PDB file of N, CA and C in Angstrom:
ATOM      1  N   MET A   1      36.125  99.822  -2.675  1.00  0.00           N
ATOM      2  CA  MET A   1      34.864  99.536  -3.257  1.00  0.00           C
ATOM      3  C   MET A   1      33.724 100.173  -2.258  1.00  0.00           C
ATOM      4  N   ALA A   2      32.919 100.813  -3.033  1.00  0.00           N
ATOM      5  CA  ALA A   2      31.778 101.576  -2.310  1.00  0.00           C
ATOM      6  C   ALA A   2      30.939 100.677  -1.567  1.00  0.00           C
ATOM      7  N   ASN A   3      30.552 100.987  -0.251  1.00  0.00           N
ATOM      8  CA  ASN A   3      29.526 100.265   0.522  1.00  0.00           C
ATOM      9  C   ASN A   3      28.450 101.170   0.858  1.00  0.00           C
ATOM     10  N   GLY A   4      27.541 100.631   1.710  1.00  0.00           N
ATOM     11  CA  GLY A   4      26.345 101.409   2.129  1.00  0.00           C
ATOM     12  C   GLY A   4      26.631 102.801   2.700  1.00  0.00           C
ATOM     13  N   ALA A   5      27.647 102.777   3.588  1.00  0.00           N
ATOM     14  CA  ALA A   5      28.073 104.067   4.269  1.00  0.00           C
ATOM     15  C   ALA A   5      28.660 105.031   3.200  1.00  0.00           C
ATOM     16  N   ASP A   6      29.399 104.618   2.311  1.00  0.00           N
ATOM     17  CA  ASP A   6      29.858 105.427   1.210  1.00  0.00           C
ATOM     18  C   ASP A   6      28.812 106.088   0.339  1.00  0.00           C
ATOM     19  N   HIS A   7      27.813 105.304   0.112  1.00  0.00           N
ATOM     20  CA  HIS A   7      26.681 105.823  -0.734  1.00  0.00           C
ATOM     21  C   HIS A   7      25.951 106.806   0.118  1.00  0.00           C
ATOM     22  N   ILE A   8      25.724 106.457   1.450  1.00  0.00           N
ATOM     23  CA  ILE A   8      24.989 107.492   2.334  1.00  0.00           C
ATOM     24  C   ILE A   8      25.751 108.829   2.276  1.00  0.00           C
ATOM     25  N   ALA A   9      27.135 108.766   2.486  1.00  0.00           N
ATOM     26  CA  ALA A   9      27.963 109.839   2.596  1.00  0.00           C
ATOM     27  C   ALA A   9      27.867 110.749   1.131  1.00  0.00           C
ATOM     28  N   ALA A  10      27.970 109.979   0.129  1.00  0.00           N
ATOM     29  CA  ALA A  10      28.047 110.593  -1.161  1.00  0.00           C
ATOM     30  C   ALA A  10      26.555 111.253  -1.435  1.00  0.00           C
ATOM     31  N   GLY A  11      25.471 110.627  -1.065  1.00  0.00           N
ATOM     32  CA  GLY A  11      24.116 111.145  -1.174  1.00  0.00           C
ATOM     33  C   GLY A  11      23.974 112.386  -0.359  1.00  0.00           C
ATOM     34  N   ALA A  12      24.517 112.349   0.931  1.00  0.00           N
ATOM     35  CA  ALA A  12      24.461 113.542   1.737  1.00  0.00           C
ATOM     36  C   ALA A  12      25.382 114.726   1.165  1.00  0.00           C
ATOM     37  N   LEU A  13      26.446 114.441   0.677  1.00  0.00           N
ATOM     38  CA  LEU A  13      27.229 115.621  -0.016  1.00  0.00           C
ATOM     39  C   LEU A  13      26.550 116.095  -1.121  1.00  0.00           C
ATOM     40  N   THR A  14      25.951 115.185  -2.002  1.00  0.00           N
ATOM     41  CA  THR A  14      25.194 115.641  -3.088  1.00  0.00           C
ATOM     42  C   THR A  14      24.045 116.565  -2.674  1.00  0.00           C
ATOM     43  N   GLY A  15      23.327 116.272  -1.659  1.00  0.00           N
ATOM     44  CA  GLY A  15      22.356 117.060  -1.073  1.00  0.00           C
ATOM     45  C   GLY A  15      22.719 118.325  -0.592  1.00  0.00           C
ATOM     46  N   VAL A  16      23.872 118.324   0.065  1.00  0.00           N
ATOM     47  CA  VAL A  16      24.423 119.705   0.395  1.00  0.00           C
ATOM     48  C   VAL A  16      24.777 120.645  -0.723  1.00  0.00           C
ATOM     49  N   ALA A  17      25.374 119.956  -1.821  1.00  0.00           N
ATOM     50  CA  ALA A  17      25.569 120.720  -3.014  1.00  0.00           C
ATOM     51  C   ALA A  17      24.372 121.103  -3.688  1.00  0.00           C
ATOM     52  N   MET A  18      23.415 120.367  -3.668  1.00  0.00           N
ATOM     53  CA  MET A  18      22.068 120.735  -4.297  1.00  0.00           C
ATOM     54  C   MET A  18      21.385 121.866  -3.518  1.00  0.00           C
ATOM     55  N   ALA A  19      21.432 121.829  -2.199  1.00  0.00           N
ATOM     56  CA  ALA A  19      20.911 122.844  -1.381  1.00  0.00           C
ATOM     57  C   ALA A  19      21.662 124.189  -1.594  1.00  0.00           C
ATOM     58  N   CYS A  20      22.979 124.163  -1.607  1.00  0.00           N
ATOM     59  CA  CYS A  20      23.772 125.349  -1.965  1.00  0.00           C
ATOM     60  C   CYS A  20      23.375 125.921  -3.450  1.00  0.00           C
ATOM     61  N   TYR A  21      23.216 125.032  -4.373  1.00  0.00           N
ATOM     62  CA  TYR A  21      22.869 125.403  -5.555  1.00  0.00           C
ATOM     63  C   TYR A  21      21.460 126.207  -5.661  1.00  0.00           C
ATOM     64  N   GLY A  22      20.456 125.521  -4.928  1.00  0.00           N
ATOM     65  CA  GLY A  22      19.148 126.102  -4.878  1.00  0.00           C
ATOM     66  C   GLY A  22      19.055 127.425  -4.185  1.00  0.00           C
ATOM     67  N   GLN A  23      19.898 127.599  -3.142  1.00  0.00           N
ATOM     68  CA  GLN A  23      19.959 128.848  -2.461  1.00  0.00           C
ATOM     69  C   GLN A  23      20.615 129.899  -3.259  1.00  0.00           C
ATOM     70  N   ARG A  24      21.565 129.548  -4.082  1.00  0.00           N
ATOM     71  CA  ARG A  24      22.284 130.574  -4.930  1.00  0.00           C
ATOM     72  C   ARG A  24      21.385 131.038  -6.037  1.00  0.00           C
ATOM     73  N   GLN A  25      20.360 130.177  -6.424  1.00  0.00           N
ATOM     74  CA  GLN A  25      19.399 130.441  -7.412  1.00  0.00           C
ATOM     75  C   GLN A  25      18.246 131.418  -6.844  1.00  0.00           C
ATOM     76  N   GLY A  26      18.274 131.424  -5.629  1.00  0.00           N
ATOM     77  CA  GLY A  26      17.156 132.263  -4.998  1.00  0.00           C
ATOM     78  C   GLY A  26      15.815 131.481  -4.952  1.00  0.00           C
ATOM     79  N   LYS A  27      15.913 130.174  -4.942  1.00  0.00           N
ATOM     80  CA  LYS A  27      14.600 129.331  -4.851  1.00  0.00           C
ATOM     81  C   LYS A  27      14.340 128.965  -3.494  1.00  0.00           C
ATOM     82  N   PRO A  28      12.961 128.655  -3.292  1.00  0.00           N
ATOM     83  CA  PRO A  28      12.572 128.181  -1.934  1.00  0.00           C
ATOM     84  C   PRO A  28      13.360 126.900  -1.683  1.00  0.00           C
ATOM     85  N   VAL A  29      14.122 126.792  -0.793  1.00  0.00           N
ATOM     86  CA  VAL A  29      14.922 125.563  -0.449  1.00  0.00           C
ATOM     87  C   VAL A  29      14.922 125.175   0.998  1.00  0.00           C
ATOM     88  N   ASN A  30      14.496 124.048   1.358  1.00  0.00           N
ATOM     89  CA  ASN A  30      14.769 123.511   2.607  1.00  0.00           C
ATOM     90  C   ASN A  30      15.893 122.521   2.648  1.00  0.00           C
ATOM     91  N   SER A  31      16.869 122.934   3.290  1.00  0.00           N
ATOM     92  CA  SER A  31      18.220 122.150   3.106  1.00  0.00           C
ATOM     93  C   SER A  31      18.074 120.703   3.592  1.00  0.00           C
ATOM     94  N   MET A  32      17.290 120.511   4.662  1.00  0.00           N
ATOM     95  CA  MET A  32      17.277 119.220   5.247  1.00  0.00           C
ATOM     96  C   MET A  32      16.400 118.307   4.188  1.00  0.00           C
ATOM     97  N   LEU A  33      15.484 118.858   3.557  1.00  0.00           N
ATOM     98  CA  LEU A  33      14.705 117.989   2.497  1.00  0.00           C
ATOM     99  C   LEU A  33      15.584 117.646   1.414  1.00  0.00           C
ATOM    100  N   ALA A  34      16.405 118.678   0.981  1.00  0.00           N
ATOM    101  CA  ALA A  34      17.384 118.428  -0.101  1.00  0.00           C
ATOM    102  C   ALA A  34      18.338 117.389   0.298  1.00  0.00           C
ATOM    103  N   ILE A  35      19.018 117.416   1.378  1.00  0.00           N
ATOM    104  CA  ILE A  35      19.948 116.466   1.825  1.00  0.00           C
ATOM    105  C   ILE A  35      19.232 115.135   2.005  1.00  0.00           C
ATOM    106  N   GLY A  36      18.053 115.010   2.612  1.00  0.00           N
ATOM    107  CA  GLY A  36      17.431 113.848   2.848  1.00  0.00           C
ATOM    108  C   GLY A  36      16.995 113.034   1.520  1.00  0.00           C
ATOM    109  N   ALA A  37      16.430 113.829   0.560  1.00  0.00           N
ATOM    110  CA  ALA A  37      15.962 113.307  -0.699  1.00  0.00           C
ATOM    111  C   ALA A  37      17.271 112.661  -1.319  1.00  0.00           C
ATOM    112  N   SER A  38      18.455 113.404  -1.507  1.00  0.00           N
ATOM    113  CA  SER A  38      19.569 112.922  -2.068  1.00  0.00           C
ATOM    114  C   SER A  38      20.031 111.687  -1.336  1.00  0.00           C
ATOM    115  N   THR A  39      19.998 111.607  -0.045  1.00  0.00           N
ATOM    116  CA  THR A  39      20.635 110.563   0.742  1.00  0.00           C
ATOM    117  C   THR A  39      19.886 109.301   0.497  1.00  0.00           C
ATOM    118  N   VAL A  40      18.451 109.441   0.653  1.00  0.00           N
ATOM    119  CA  VAL A  40      17.519 108.251   0.425  1.00  0.00           C
ATOM    120  C   VAL A  40      17.721 107.709  -0.951  1.00  0.00           C
ATOM    121  N   PHE A  41      17.723 108.610  -1.969  1.00  0.00           N
ATOM    122  CA  PHE A  41      17.891 108.105  -3.271  1.00  0.00           C
ATOM    123  C   PHE A  41      19.190 107.511  -3.670  1.00  0.00           C
ATOM    124  N   ALA A  42      20.267 107.901  -2.902  1.00  0.00           N
ATOM    125  CA  ALA A  42      21.608 107.420  -3.029  1.00  0.00           C
ATOM    126  C   ALA A  42      21.623 105.890  -2.620  1.00  0.00           C
ATOM    127  N   LYS A  43      20.691 105.534  -1.776  1.00  0.00           N
ATOM    128  CA  LYS A  43      20.650 104.072  -1.424  1.00  0.00           C
ATOM    129  C   LYS A  43      19.616 103.257  -2.167  1.00  0.00           C
ATOM    130  N   LEU A  44      18.852 103.930  -2.861  1.00  0.00           N
ATOM    131  CA  LEU A  44      17.612 103.265  -3.695  1.00  0.00           C
ATOM    132  C   LEU A  44      18.105 102.187  -4.560  1.00  0.00           C
ATOM    133  N   PRO A  45      19.139 102.301  -5.354  1.00  0.00           N
ATOM    134  CA  PRO A  45      19.562 101.236  -6.155  1.00  0.00           C
ATOM    135  C   PRO A  45      19.765  99.852  -5.434  1.00  0.00           C
ATOM    136  N   ASP A  46      20.377  99.962  -4.217  1.00  0.00           N
ATOM    137  CA  ASP A  46      20.711  98.764  -3.558  1.00  0.00           C
ATOM    138  C   ASP A  46      19.452  98.255  -2.888  1.00  0.00           C
ATOM    139  N   TRP A  47      18.379  99.055  -2.707  1.00  0.00           N
ATOM    140  CA  TRP A  47      17.065  98.488  -2.238  1.00  0.00           C
ATOM    141  C   TRP A  47      16.500  97.712  -3.207  1.00  0.00           C
ATOM    142  N   ILE A  48      16.479  98.342  -4.488  1.00  0.00           N
ATOM    143  CA  ILE A  48      15.836  97.753  -5.606  1.00  0.00           C
ATOM    144  C   ILE A  48      16.551  96.484  -6.065  1.00  0.00           C
ATOM    145  N   GLU A  49      17.788  96.424  -6.178  1.00  0.00           N
ATOM    146  CA  GLU A  49      18.668  95.284  -6.483  1.00  0.00           C
ATOM    147  C   GLU A  49      19.687  95.000  -5.406  1.00  0.00           C
ATOM    148  N   PRO A  50      19.351  94.358  -4.321  1.00  0.00           N
ATOM    149  CA  PRO A  50      20.175  94.101  -3.200  1.00  0.00           C
ATOM    150  C   PRO A  50      21.407  93.370  -3.651  1.00  0.00           C
ATOM    151  N   ALA A  51      22.459  93.822  -2.850  1.00  0.00           N
ATOM    152  CA  ALA A  51      23.865  93.216  -3.197  1.00  0.00           C
ATOM    153  C   ALA A  51      23.979  91.811  -2.541  1.00  0.00           C
ATOM    154  N   THR A  52      23.081  90.790  -3.029  1.00  0.00           N
ATOM    155  CA  THR A  52      23.203  89.454  -2.542  1.00  0.00           C
ATOM    156  C   THR A  52      24.171  88.577  -3.140  1.00  0.00           C
ATOM    157  N   ASN A  53      24.787  88.977  -4.370  1.00  0.00           N
ATOM    158  CA  ASN A  53      25.856  88.281  -5.054  1.00  0.00           C
ATOM    159  C   ASN A  53      26.585  89.350  -5.895  1.00  0.00           C
ATOM    160  N   PRO A  54      27.870  88.915  -6.328  1.00  0.00           N
ATOM    161  CA  PRO A  54      28.642  89.892  -7.005  1.00  0.00           C
ATOM    162  C   PRO A  54      28.016  90.271  -8.316  1.00  0.00           C
ATOM    163  N   HIS A  55      26.948  89.629  -8.895  1.00  0.00           N
ATOM    164  CA  HIS A  55      26.375  89.948 -10.141  1.00  0.00           C
ATOM    165  C   HIS A  55      25.007  90.653  -9.824  1.00  0.00           C
ATOM    166  N   HIS A  56      24.804  91.378  -8.784  1.00  0.00           N
ATOM    167  CA  HIS A  56      23.452  91.894  -8.425  1.00  0.00           C
ATOM    168  C   HIS A  56      23.135  93.099  -9.312  1.00  0.00           C
ATOM    169  N   ARG A  57      24.046  93.797  -9.902  1.00  0.00           N
ATOM    170  CA  ARG A  57      23.825  94.950 -10.724  1.00  0.00           C
ATOM    171  C   ARG A  57      23.240  94.578 -11.978  1.00  0.00           C
ATOM    172  N   GLN A  58      21.976  94.983 -12.083  1.00  0.00           N
ATOM    173  CA  GLN A  58      21.091  94.754 -13.256  1.00  0.00           C
ATOM    174  C   GLN A  58      20.707  96.005 -13.914  1.00  0.00           C
ATOM    175  N   PHE A  59      19.446  96.047 -14.372  1.00  0.00           N
ATOM    176  CA  PHE A  59      19.119  97.313 -15.091  1.00  0.00           C
ATOM    177  C   PHE A  59      19.117  98.604 -14.315  1.00  0.00           C
ATOM    178  N   PHE A  60      18.710  98.624 -12.962  1.00  0.00           N
ATOM    179  CA  PHE A  60      18.644  99.807 -12.254  1.00  0.00           C
ATOM    180  C   PHE A  60      20.058 100.166 -11.714  1.00  0.00           C
ATOM    181  N   HIS A  61      21.135  99.406 -12.086  1.00  0.00           N
ATOM    182  CA  HIS A  61      22.576  99.750 -11.931  1.00  0.00           C
ATOM    183  C   HIS A  61      23.217  99.769 -13.236  1.00  0.00           C
ATOM    184  N   SER A  62      22.629 100.220 -14.247  1.00  0.00           N
ATOM    185  CA  SER A  62      23.206 100.013 -15.630  1.00  0.00           C
ATOM    186  C   SER A  62      23.472 101.459 -16.176  1.00  0.00           C
ATOM    187  N   ILE A  63      24.300 101.369 -17.208  1.00  0.00           N
ATOM    188  CA  ILE A  63      24.657 102.648 -17.935  1.00  0.00           C
ATOM    189  C   ILE A  63      23.506 103.169 -18.642  1.00  0.00           C
ATOM    190  N   SER A  64      22.676 102.215 -19.213  1.00  0.00           N
ATOM    191  CA  SER A  64      21.451 102.614 -19.916  1.00  0.00           C
ATOM    192  C   SER A  64      20.468 103.363 -18.974  1.00  0.00           C
ATOM    193  N   PHE A  65      20.329 102.877 -17.687  1.00  0.00           N
ATOM    194  CA  PHE A  65      19.426 103.468 -16.786  1.00  0.00           C
ATOM    195  C   PHE A  65      19.996 104.923 -16.424  1.00  0.00           C
ATOM    196  N   LEU A  66      21.249 104.977 -16.235  1.00  0.00           N
ATOM    197  CA  LEU A  66      22.013 106.173 -15.959  1.00  0.00           C
ATOM    198  C   LEU A  66      21.724 107.207 -17.033  1.00  0.00           C
ATOM    199  N   ALA A  67      21.733 106.886 -18.273  1.00  0.00           N
ATOM    200  CA  ALA A  67      21.465 107.681 -19.429  1.00  0.00           C
ATOM    201  C   ALA A  67      20.068 108.133 -19.401  1.00  0.00           C
ATOM    202  N   MET A  68      19.084 107.288 -19.069  1.00  0.00           N
ATOM    203  CA  MET A  68      17.604 107.630 -19.058  1.00  0.00           C
ATOM    204  C   MET A  68      17.384 108.467 -17.871  1.00  0.00           C
ATOM    205  N   LEU A  69      18.012 108.201 -16.720  1.00  0.00           N
ATOM    206  CA  LEU A  69      17.888 109.157 -15.612  1.00  0.00           C
ATOM    207  C   LEU A  69      18.495 110.624 -15.897  1.00  0.00           C
ATOM    208  N   GLY A  70      19.550 110.488 -16.536  1.00  0.00           N
ATOM    209  CA  GLY A  70      20.164 111.882 -16.957  1.00  0.00           C
ATOM    210  C   GLY A  70      19.308 112.658 -17.888  1.00  0.00           C
ATOM    211  N   TYR A  71      18.636 112.013 -18.793  1.00  0.00           N
ATOM    212  CA  TYR A  71      17.734 112.622 -19.871  1.00  0.00           C
ATOM    213  C   TYR A  71      16.603 113.177 -19.073  1.00  0.00           C
ATOM    214  N   GLY A  72      16.006 112.510 -18.066  1.00  0.00           N
ATOM    215  CA  GLY A  72      14.874 112.938 -17.248  1.00  0.00           C
ATOM    216  C   GLY A  72      15.146 114.058 -16.433  1.00  0.00           C
ATOM    217  N   LEU A  73      16.384 114.021 -15.896  1.00  0.00           N
ATOM    218  CA  LEU A  73      16.784 115.227 -15.123  1.00  0.00           C
ATOM    219  C   LEU A  73      17.068 116.458 -15.882  1.00  0.00           C
ATOM    220  N   LYS A  74      17.481 116.310 -17.078  1.00  0.00           N
ATOM    221  CA  LYS A  74      17.684 117.373 -17.851  1.00  0.00           C
ATOM    222  C   LYS A  74      16.330 118.022 -18.258  1.00  0.00           C
ATOM    223  N   LYS A  75      15.427 117.172 -18.527  1.00  0.00           N
ATOM    224  CA  LYS A  75      14.073 117.704 -18.812  1.00  0.00           C
ATOM    225  C   LYS A  75      13.460 118.379 -17.543  1.00  0.00           C
ATOM    226  N   THR A  76      13.690 117.785 -16.386  1.00  0.00           N
ATOM    227  CA  THR A  76      13.196 118.414 -15.186  1.00  0.00           C
ATOM    228  C   THR A  76      13.947 119.685 -14.874  1.00  0.00           C
ATOM    229  N   TYR A  77      15.187 119.805 -15.120  1.00  0.00           N
ATOM    230  CA  TYR A  77      15.994 121.000 -15.036  1.00  0.00           C
ATOM    231  C   TYR A  77      15.491 122.178 -16.041  1.00  0.00           C
ATOM    232  N   ASP A  78      15.079 121.855 -17.234  1.00  0.00           N
ATOM    233  CA  ASP A  78      14.626 122.774 -18.114  1.00  0.00           C
ATOM    234  C   ASP A  78      13.148 123.283 -17.809  1.00  0.00           C
ATOM    235  N   TRP A  79      12.523 122.599 -17.088  1.00  0.00           N
ATOM    236  CA  TRP A  79      11.062 122.902 -16.652  1.00  0.00           C
ATOM    237  C   TRP A  79      11.054 124.000 -15.700  1.00  0.00           C
ATOM    238  N   LYS A  80      10.380 125.106 -16.063  1.00  0.00           N
ATOM    239  CA  LYS A  80      10.238 126.217 -15.249  1.00  0.00           C
ATOM    240  C   LYS A  80       8.857 126.461 -14.665  1.00  0.00           C
ATOM    241  N   PRO A  81       8.494 125.863 -13.543  1.00  0.00           N
ATOM    242  CA  PRO A  81       7.212 125.987 -12.996  1.00  0.00           C
ATOM    243  C   PRO A  81       6.958 127.392 -12.391  1.00  0.00           C
ATOM    244  N   GLU A  82       5.704 127.786 -12.444  1.00  0.00           N
ATOM    245  CA  GLU A  82       5.359 129.203 -12.003  1.00  0.00           C
ATOM    246  C   GLU A  82       5.113 129.245 -10.471  1.00  0.00           C
ATOM    247  N   ASP A  83       4.365 128.289 -10.006  1.00  0.00           N
ATOM    248  CA  ASP A  83       3.952 128.282  -8.537  1.00  0.00           C
ATOM    249  C   ASP A  83       5.036 127.534  -7.679  1.00  0.00           C
ATOM    250  N   THR A  84       4.993 127.948  -6.416  1.00  0.00           N
ATOM    251  CA  THR A  84       5.932 127.581  -5.400  1.00  0.00           C
ATOM    252  C   THR A  84       5.962 125.973  -5.188  1.00  0.00           C
ATOM    253  N   GLY A  85       4.819 125.514  -5.086  1.00  0.00           N
ATOM    254  CA  GLY A  85       4.638 124.065  -4.843  1.00  0.00           C
ATOM    255  C   GLY A  85       5.342 123.266  -6.043  1.00  0.00           C
ATOM    256  N   ARG A  86       5.135 123.514  -7.202  1.00  0.00           N
ATOM    257  CA  ARG A  86       5.880 122.892  -8.254  1.00  0.00           C
ATOM    258  C   ARG A  86       7.404 123.112  -8.287  1.00  0.00           C
ATOM    259  N   GLN A  87       7.735 124.353  -7.913  1.00  0.00           N
ATOM    260  CA  GLN A  87       9.234 124.616  -7.990  1.00  0.00           C
ATOM    261  C   GLN A  87       9.857 123.813  -6.933  1.00  0.00           C
ATOM    262  N   ILE A  88       9.176 123.608  -5.790  1.00  0.00           N
ATOM    263  CA  ILE A  88       9.786 122.704  -4.630  1.00  0.00           C
ATOM    264  C   ILE A  88       9.855 121.308  -5.162  1.00  0.00           C
ATOM    265  N   PHE A  89       8.647 120.853  -5.794  1.00  0.00           N
ATOM    266  CA  PHE A  89       8.739 119.524  -6.446  1.00  0.00           C
ATOM    267  C   PHE A  89       9.870 119.214  -7.399  1.00  0.00           C
ATOM    268  N   ARG A  90      10.126 120.234  -8.338  1.00  0.00           N
ATOM    269  CA  ARG A  90      10.977 120.218  -9.354  1.00  0.00           C
ATOM    270  C   ARG A  90      12.449 120.110  -8.626  1.00  0.00           C
ATOM    271  N   PHE A  91      12.608 120.909  -7.608  1.00  0.00           N
ATOM    272  CA  PHE A  91      14.037 120.907  -6.928  1.00  0.00           C
ATOM    273  C   PHE A  91      14.331 119.603  -6.215  1.00  0.00           C
ATOM    274  N   LEU A  92      13.132 119.087  -5.564  1.00  0.00           N
ATOM    275  CA  LEU A  92      13.420 117.844  -4.825  1.00  0.00           C
ATOM    276  C   LEU A  92      13.699 116.670  -5.745  1.00  0.00           C
ATOM    277  N   THR A  93      12.952 116.631  -6.941  1.00  0.00           N
ATOM    278  CA  THR A  93      13.196 115.764  -7.972  1.00  0.00           C
ATOM    279  C   THR A  93      14.561 115.746  -8.557  1.00  0.00           C
ATOM    280  N   LEU A  94      15.204 116.972  -8.645  1.00  0.00           N
ATOM    281  CA  LEU A  94      16.546 117.128  -9.057  1.00  0.00           C
ATOM    282  C   LEU A  94      17.467 116.572  -7.889  1.00  0.00           C
ATOM    283  N   CYS A  95      17.179 116.793  -6.699  1.00  0.00           N
ATOM    284  CA  CYS A  95      17.958 116.347  -5.558  1.00  0.00           C
ATOM    285  C   CYS A  95      17.972 114.681  -5.605  1.00  0.00           C
ATOM    286  N   ALA A  96      16.811 114.227  -5.654  1.00  0.00           N
ATOM    287  CA  ALA A  96      16.659 112.756  -5.656  1.00  0.00           C
ATOM    288  C   ALA A  96      17.431 112.065  -6.784  1.00  0.00           C
ATOM    289  N   GLY A  97      17.402 112.681  -8.128  1.00  0.00           N
ATOM    290  CA  GLY A  97      18.004 112.165  -9.128  1.00  0.00           C
ATOM    291  C   GLY A  97      19.530 112.210  -9.029  1.00  0.00           C
ATOM    292  N   ALA A  98      19.955 113.418  -8.443  1.00  0.00           N
ATOM    293  CA  ALA A  98      21.386 113.622  -8.219  1.00  0.00           C
ATOM    294  C   ALA A  98      21.858 112.556  -7.301  1.00  0.00           C
ATOM    295  N   GLY A  99      21.187 112.220  -6.114  1.00  0.00           N
ATOM    296  CA  GLY A  99      21.565 111.224  -5.232  1.00  0.00           C
ATOM    297  C   GLY A  99      21.638 109.814  -5.845  1.00  0.00           C
ATOM    298  N   TYR A 100      20.668 109.575  -6.678  1.00  0.00           N
ATOM    299  CA  TYR A 100      20.735 108.210  -7.357  1.00  0.00           C
ATOM    300  C   TYR A 100      21.945 108.204  -8.327  1.00  0.00           C
ATOM    301  N   ILE A 101      22.252 109.146  -9.071  1.00  0.00           N
ATOM    302  CA  ILE A 101      23.291 109.251  -9.889  1.00  0.00           C
ATOM    303  C   ILE A 101      24.629 109.070  -9.145  1.00  0.00           C
ATOM    304  N   SER A 102      24.647 109.733  -7.887  1.00  0.00           N
ATOM    305  CA  SER A 102      25.956 109.470  -7.151  1.00  0.00           C
ATOM    306  C   SER A 102      26.118 108.089  -6.830  1.00  0.00           C
ATOM    307  N   HIS A 103      25.201 107.185  -6.543  1.00  0.00           N
ATOM    308  CA  HIS A 103      25.296 105.939  -6.344  1.00  0.00           C
ATOM    309  C   HIS A 103      25.881 105.237  -7.630  1.00  0.00           C
ATOM    310  N   LEU A 104      25.345 105.444  -8.722  1.00  0.00           N
ATOM    311  CA  LEU A 104      25.848 104.767  -9.926  1.00  0.00           C
ATOM    312  C   LEU A 104      27.215 105.242 -10.241  1.00  0.00           C
ATOM    313  N   VAL A 105      27.564 106.572 -10.011  1.00  0.00           N
ATOM    314  CA  VAL A 105      28.847 106.944 -10.258  1.00  0.00           C
ATOM    315  C   VAL A 105      29.863 106.180  -9.428  1.00  0.00           C
ATOM    316  N   LEU A 106      29.621 106.070  -8.151  1.00  0.00           N
ATOM    317  CA  LEU A 106      30.483 105.322  -7.191  1.00  0.00           C
ATOM    318  C   LEU A 106      30.703 103.934  -7.716  1.00  0.00           C
ATOM    319  N   ASP A 107      29.435 103.250  -8.066  1.00  0.00           N
ATOM    320  CA  ASP A 107      29.529 101.825  -8.520  1.00  0.00           C
ATOM    321  C   ASP A 107      30.325 101.757  -9.750  1.00  0.00           C
ATOM    322  N   GLY A 108      30.263 102.737 -10.679  1.00  0.00           N
ATOM    323  CA  GLY A 108      30.987 102.716 -11.939  1.00  0.00           C
ATOM    324  C   GLY A 108      32.468 102.667 -11.770  1.00  0.00           C
ATOM    325  N   PHE A 109      32.906 103.042 -10.649  1.00  0.00           N
ATOM    326  CA  PHE A 109      34.370 103.117 -10.378  1.00  0.00           C
ATOM    327  C   PHE A 109      34.901 101.928  -9.618  1.00  0.00           C
ATOM    328  N   THR A 110      34.032 100.835  -9.477  1.00  0.00           N
ATOM    329  CA  THR A 110      34.384  99.645  -8.781  1.00  0.00           C
ATOM    330  C   THR A 110      34.938  98.748  -9.963  1.00  0.00           C
ATOM    331  N   PRO A 111      35.550  97.592  -9.490  1.00  0.00           N
ATOM    332  CA  PRO A 111      36.222  96.632 -10.468  1.00  0.00           C
ATOM    333  C   PRO A 111      35.139  96.078 -11.440  1.00  0.00           C
ATOM    334  N   ARG A 112      33.888  95.919 -10.922  1.00  0.00           N
ATOM    335  CA  ARG A 112      32.827  95.325 -11.687  1.00  0.00           C
ATOM    336  C   ARG A 112      32.141  96.403 -12.597  1.00  0.00           C
ATOM    337  N   SER A 113      32.282  97.542 -12.201  1.00  0.00           N
ATOM    338  CA  SER A 113      31.561  98.721 -12.869  1.00  0.00           C
ATOM    339  C   SER A 113      30.177  98.587 -13.105  1.00  0.00           C
ATOM    340  N   LEU A 114      29.596  99.184 -14.144  1.00  0.00           N
ATOM    341  CA  LEU A 114      28.122  98.990 -14.387  1.00  0.00           C
ATOM    342  C   LEU A 114      27.936  98.309 -15.641  1.00  0.00           C
ATOM    343  N   PRO A 115      26.985  97.443 -15.732  1.00  0.00           N
ATOM    344  CA  PRO A 115      26.540  96.741 -17.032  1.00  0.00           C
ATOM    345  C   PRO A 115      25.979  97.840 -18.039  1.00  0.00           C
ATOM    346  N   LEU A 116      26.142  97.511 -19.158  1.00  0.00           N
ATOM    347  CA  LEU A 116      25.485  98.340 -20.167  1.00  0.00           C
ATOM    348  C   LEU A 116      23.947  98.416 -20.118  1.00  0.00           C
ATOM    349  N   LEU A 117      23.403  97.187 -20.022  1.00  0.00           N
ATOM    350  CA  LEU A 117      21.905  97.140 -19.860  1.00  0.00           C
ATOM    351  C   LEU A 117      21.370  96.403 -18.755  1.00  0.00           C
ATOM    352  N   GLY A 118      22.035  95.186 -18.444  1.00  0.00           N
ATOM    353  CA  GLY A 118      21.493  94.348 -17.266  1.00  0.00           C
ATOM    354  C   GLY A 118      20.184  93.777 -17.667  1.00  0.00           C
ATOM    355  N   LYS A 119      19.748  92.851 -16.715  1.00  0.00           N
ATOM    356  CA  LYS A 119      18.451  92.350 -16.990  1.00  0.00           C
ATOM    357  C   LYS A 119      17.322  93.145 -16.457  1.00  0.00           C
ATOM    358  N   VAL A 120      16.258  93.313 -17.277  1.00  0.00           N
ATOM    359  CA  VAL A 120      15.127  94.001 -16.825  1.00  0.00           C
ATOM    360  C   VAL A 120      14.261  93.246 -15.976  1.00  0.00           C
TER     361      VAL A 120
END
């Protein structure tokens, strides 16, 4: 079962993958920011809904939130900003979202999995 260290490792690996992707695209990429954003956001779900009991997974640990996040990331991915500042913001948003998704994917493979909706 995934614990905090697993989520940090998955977030860091996601950040490395995103940094490699960004560099292959020829975009302005700071690898440490990419790794940091992914790692922090990989822990965010448990900060929002702490694991104080076995049923802590609610809306921000749900399949519906995963779908909404995926939709938002697709829209962000399709956005083509012209200036460098917005390109960096777009890239860091993708890194953060990928880190959050890494958390939900790990939790999805646990025995309790993810609720469809959870309490809002």
